Amino acid sequence: MDPKQNNKINIELNEEQAEGIYSNLAVITHSNTEFIVDFIKMMPGMPKAKVKSRIVLTPQHAKRLMKALHENINKFESMHGPIKEIDERVPLNLGGPTAQA
């Protein structure tokens, strides 16, 4: 038997997960044993942002994810051109009323 066939994994994706979760901000923290990625949805005019999903990874899987993202971004940009980067600072005011002193 081909050794590559033994390494295949059958991955199930239910209907709810297949729809995906929208996130426009990710916050990453880590300890000496794990990386935590919080995917957040920020809405204009809303005073709070909510964590929509939290993923906990081992350092090894975090590094594999980083490499996979890097490879896929390179493929995307070779097909569609460079991704325009936006200001990395998170706006404190998302379009809601501003406070005055």
C-alpha atoms as a PDB file:
ATOM      1  CA  MET A   1       0.000   0.000   0.000  1.00  0.00           C
ATOM      2  CA  ASP A   2       1.189   3.514  -0.830  1.00  0.00           C
ATOM      3  CA  PRO A   3       2.390   5.276   2.399  1.00  0.00           C
ATOM      4  CA  LYS A   4       0.762   8.516   1.227  1.00  0.00           C
ATOM      5  CA  GLN A   5      -2.677   6.863   1.360  1.00  0.00           C
ATOM      6  CA  ASN A   6      -2.171   6.015   5.043  1.00  0.00           C
ATOM      7  CA  ASN A   7      -1.664   9.721   5.858  1.00  0.00           C
ATOM      8  CA  LYS A   8      -5.015  10.903   4.466  1.00  0.00           C
ATOM      9  CA  ILE A   9      -7.441  12.315   6.999  1.00  0.00           C
ATOM     10  CA  ASN A  10     -11.191  12.363   6.515  1.00  0.00           C
ATOM     11  CA  ILE A  11     -12.322  15.821   7.679  1.00  0.00           C
ATOM     12  CA  GLU A  12     -15.991  16.523   8.350  1.00  0.00           C
ATOM     13  CA  LEU A  13     -17.482  19.995   7.984  1.00  0.00           C
ATOM     14  CA  ASN A  14     -21.036  20.510   9.189  1.00  0.00           C
ATOM     15  CA  GLU A  15     -23.390  23.016   7.567  1.00  0.00           C
ATOM     16  CA  GLU A  16     -22.986  25.680  10.277  1.00  0.00           C
ATOM     17  CA  GLN A  17     -19.187  25.538  10.117  1.00  0.00           C
ATOM     18  CA  ALA A  18     -19.280  25.593   6.312  1.00  0.00           C
ATOM     19  CA  GLU A  19     -20.913  29.036   6.447  1.00  0.00           C
ATOM     20  CA  GLY A  20     -17.833  30.400   8.211  1.00  0.00           C
ATOM     21  CA  ILE A  21     -17.488  33.195  10.738  1.00  0.00           C
ATOM     22  CA  TYR A  22     -16.619  36.744   9.663  1.00  0.00           C
ATOM     23  CA  SER A  23     -13.727  38.410  11.460  1.00  0.00           C
ATOM     24  CA  ASN A  24     -12.002  41.705  10.720  1.00  0.00           C
ATOM     25  CA  LEU A  25      -9.482  41.595  13.567  1.00  0.00           C
ATOM     26  CA  ALA A  26      -7.304  38.899  15.116  1.00  0.00           C
ATOM     27  CA  VAL A  27      -5.537  39.197  18.456  1.00  0.00           C
ATOM     28  CA  ILE A  28      -2.731  36.725  19.131  1.00  0.00           C
ATOM     29  CA  THR A  29      -1.251  35.921  22.534  1.00  0.00           C
ATOM     30  CA  HIS A  30       0.984  33.100  23.677  1.00  0.00           C
ATOM     31  CA  SER A  31       2.457  31.288  26.647  1.00  0.00           C
ATOM     32  CA  ASN A  32       5.410  28.931  26.659  1.00  0.00           C
ATOM     33  CA  THR A  33       3.116  26.045  25.653  1.00  0.00           C
ATOM     34  CA  GLU A  34       0.408  27.489  23.391  1.00  0.00           C
ATOM     35  CA  PHE A  35      -0.682  30.234  21.023  1.00  0.00           C
ATOM     36  CA  ILE A  36      -4.161  31.705  21.361  1.00  0.00           C
ATOM     37  CA  VAL A  37      -5.771  33.398  18.367  1.00  0.00           C
ATOM     38  CA  ASP A  38      -8.960  35.369  19.033  1.00  0.00           C
ATOM     39  CA  PHE A  39     -10.935  36.242  15.905  1.00  0.00           C
ATOM     40  CA  ILE A  40     -12.966  39.386  16.534  1.00  0.00           C
ATOM     41  CA  LYS A  41     -15.772  41.159  14.692  1.00  0.00           C
ATOM     42  CA  MET A  42     -15.687  44.938  15.084  1.00  0.00           C
ATOM     43  CA  MET A  43     -18.714  46.903  13.901  1.00  0.00           C
ATOM     44  CA  PRO A  44     -18.795  50.646  13.168  1.00  0.00           C
ATOM     45  CA  GLY A  45     -20.546  52.656  15.859  1.00  0.00           C
ATOM     46  CA  MET A  46     -20.547  49.810  18.364  1.00  0.00           C
ATOM     47  CA  PRO A  47     -18.755  50.377  21.685  1.00  0.00           C
ATOM     48  CA  LYS A  48     -17.831  46.694  22.073  1.00  0.00           C
ATOM     49  CA  ALA A  49     -16.198  44.146  19.819  1.00  0.00           C
ATOM     50  CA  LYS A  50     -16.937  40.465  20.290  1.00  0.00           C
ATOM     51  CA  VAL A  51     -14.631  37.488  20.046  1.00  0.00           C
ATOM     52  CA  LYS A  52     -16.335  35.272  17.477  1.00  0.00           C
ATOM     53  CA  SER A  53     -13.933  32.354  17.725  1.00  0.00           C
ATOM     54  CA  ARG A  54     -10.889  31.369  19.784  1.00  0.00           C
ATOM     55  CA  ILE A  55      -8.329  28.912  18.454  1.00  0.00           C
ATOM     56  CA  VAL A  56      -5.659  27.425  20.735  1.00  0.00           C
ATOM     57  CA  LEU A  57      -2.580  25.988  18.991  1.00  0.00           C
ATOM     58  CA  THR A  58       0.642  24.307  20.014  1.00  0.00           C
ATOM     59  CA  PRO A  59       3.746  26.310  19.031  1.00  0.00           C
ATOM     60  CA  GLN A  60       4.479  23.729  16.325  1.00  0.00           C
ATOM     61  CA  HIS A  61       1.011  24.060  14.789  1.00  0.00           C
ATOM     62  CA  ALA A  62       1.184  27.855  15.038  1.00  0.00           C
ATOM     63  CA  LYS A  63       4.394  27.772  13.009  1.00  0.00           C
ATOM     64  CA  ARG A  64       2.830  25.424  10.439  1.00  0.00           C
ATOM     65  CA  LEU A  65      -0.149  27.789  10.174  1.00  0.00           C
ATOM     66  CA  MET A  66       2.205  30.740   9.659  1.00  0.00           C
ATOM     67  CA  LYS A  67       3.996  28.898   6.832  1.00  0.00           C
ATOM     68  CA  ALA A  68       0.712  27.829   5.216  1.00  0.00           C
ATOM     69  CA  LEU A  69      -0.634  31.404   5.347  1.00  0.00           C
ATOM     70  CA  HIS A  70       2.621  32.708   3.868  1.00  0.00           C
ATOM     71  CA  GLU A  71       2.471  30.208   0.986  1.00  0.00           C
ATOM     72  CA  ASN A  72      -1.191  30.956   0.284  1.00  0.00           C
ATOM     73  CA  ILE A  73      -0.698  34.727   0.392  1.00  0.00           C
ATOM     74  CA  ASN A  74       2.149  34.368  -2.116  1.00  0.00           C
ATOM     75  CA  LYS A  75      -0.095  32.272  -4.404  1.00  0.00           C
ATOM     76  CA  PHE A  76      -2.949  34.782  -4.060  1.00  0.00           C
ATOM     77  CA  GLU A  77      -0.699  37.750  -4.856  1.00  0.00           C
ATOM     78  CA  SER A  78       0.840  35.998  -7.863  1.00  0.00           C
ATOM     79  CA  MET A  79      -2.685  35.570  -9.280  1.00  0.00           C
ATOM     80  CA  HIS A  80      -4.319  38.833  -8.159  1.00  0.00           C
ATOM     81  CA  GLY A  81      -1.502  41.277  -7.455  1.00  0.00           C
ATOM     82  CA  PRO A  82      -0.247  42.605  -4.131  1.00  0.00           C
ATOM     83  CA  ILE A  83      -2.673  42.847  -1.242  1.00  0.00           C
ATOM     84  CA  LYS A  84      -3.003  46.483  -0.235  1.00  0.00           C
ATOM     85  CA  GLU A  85      -2.018  46.864   3.409  1.00  0.00           C
ATOM     86  CA  ILE A  86      -4.068  49.138   5.624  1.00  0.00           C
ATOM     87  CA  ASP A  87      -3.052  51.071   8.710  1.00  0.00           C
ATOM     88  CA  GLU A  88      -2.266  48.458  11.360  1.00  0.00           C
ATOM     89  CA  ARG A  89      -3.577  50.523  14.265  1.00  0.00           C
ATOM     90  CA  VAL A  90      -7.014  49.540  15.509  1.00  0.00           C
ATOM     91  CA  PRO A  91      -9.282  52.593  15.474  1.00  0.00           C
ATOM     92  CA  LEU A  92     -10.597  53.501  18.888  1.00  0.00           C
ATOM     93  CA  ASN A  93     -13.641  55.146  17.337  1.00  0.00           C
ATOM     94  CA  LEU A  94     -15.447  53.063  14.742  1.00  0.00           C
ATOM     95  CA  GLY A  95     -17.828  55.734  13.559  1.00  0.00           C
ATOM     96  CA  GLY A  96     -19.896  56.171  16.686  1.00  0.00           C
ATOM     97  CA  PRO A  97     -20.291  59.382  18.666  1.00  0.00           C
ATOM     98  CA  THR A  98     -17.140  60.828  20.180  1.00  0.00           C
ATOM     99  CA  ALA A  99     -16.902  61.981  23.781  1.00  0.00           C
ATOM    100  CA  GLN A 100     -16.186  65.607  24.653  1.00  0.00           C
ATOM    101  CA  ALA A 101     -14.702  66.939  27.871  1.00  0.00           C
END
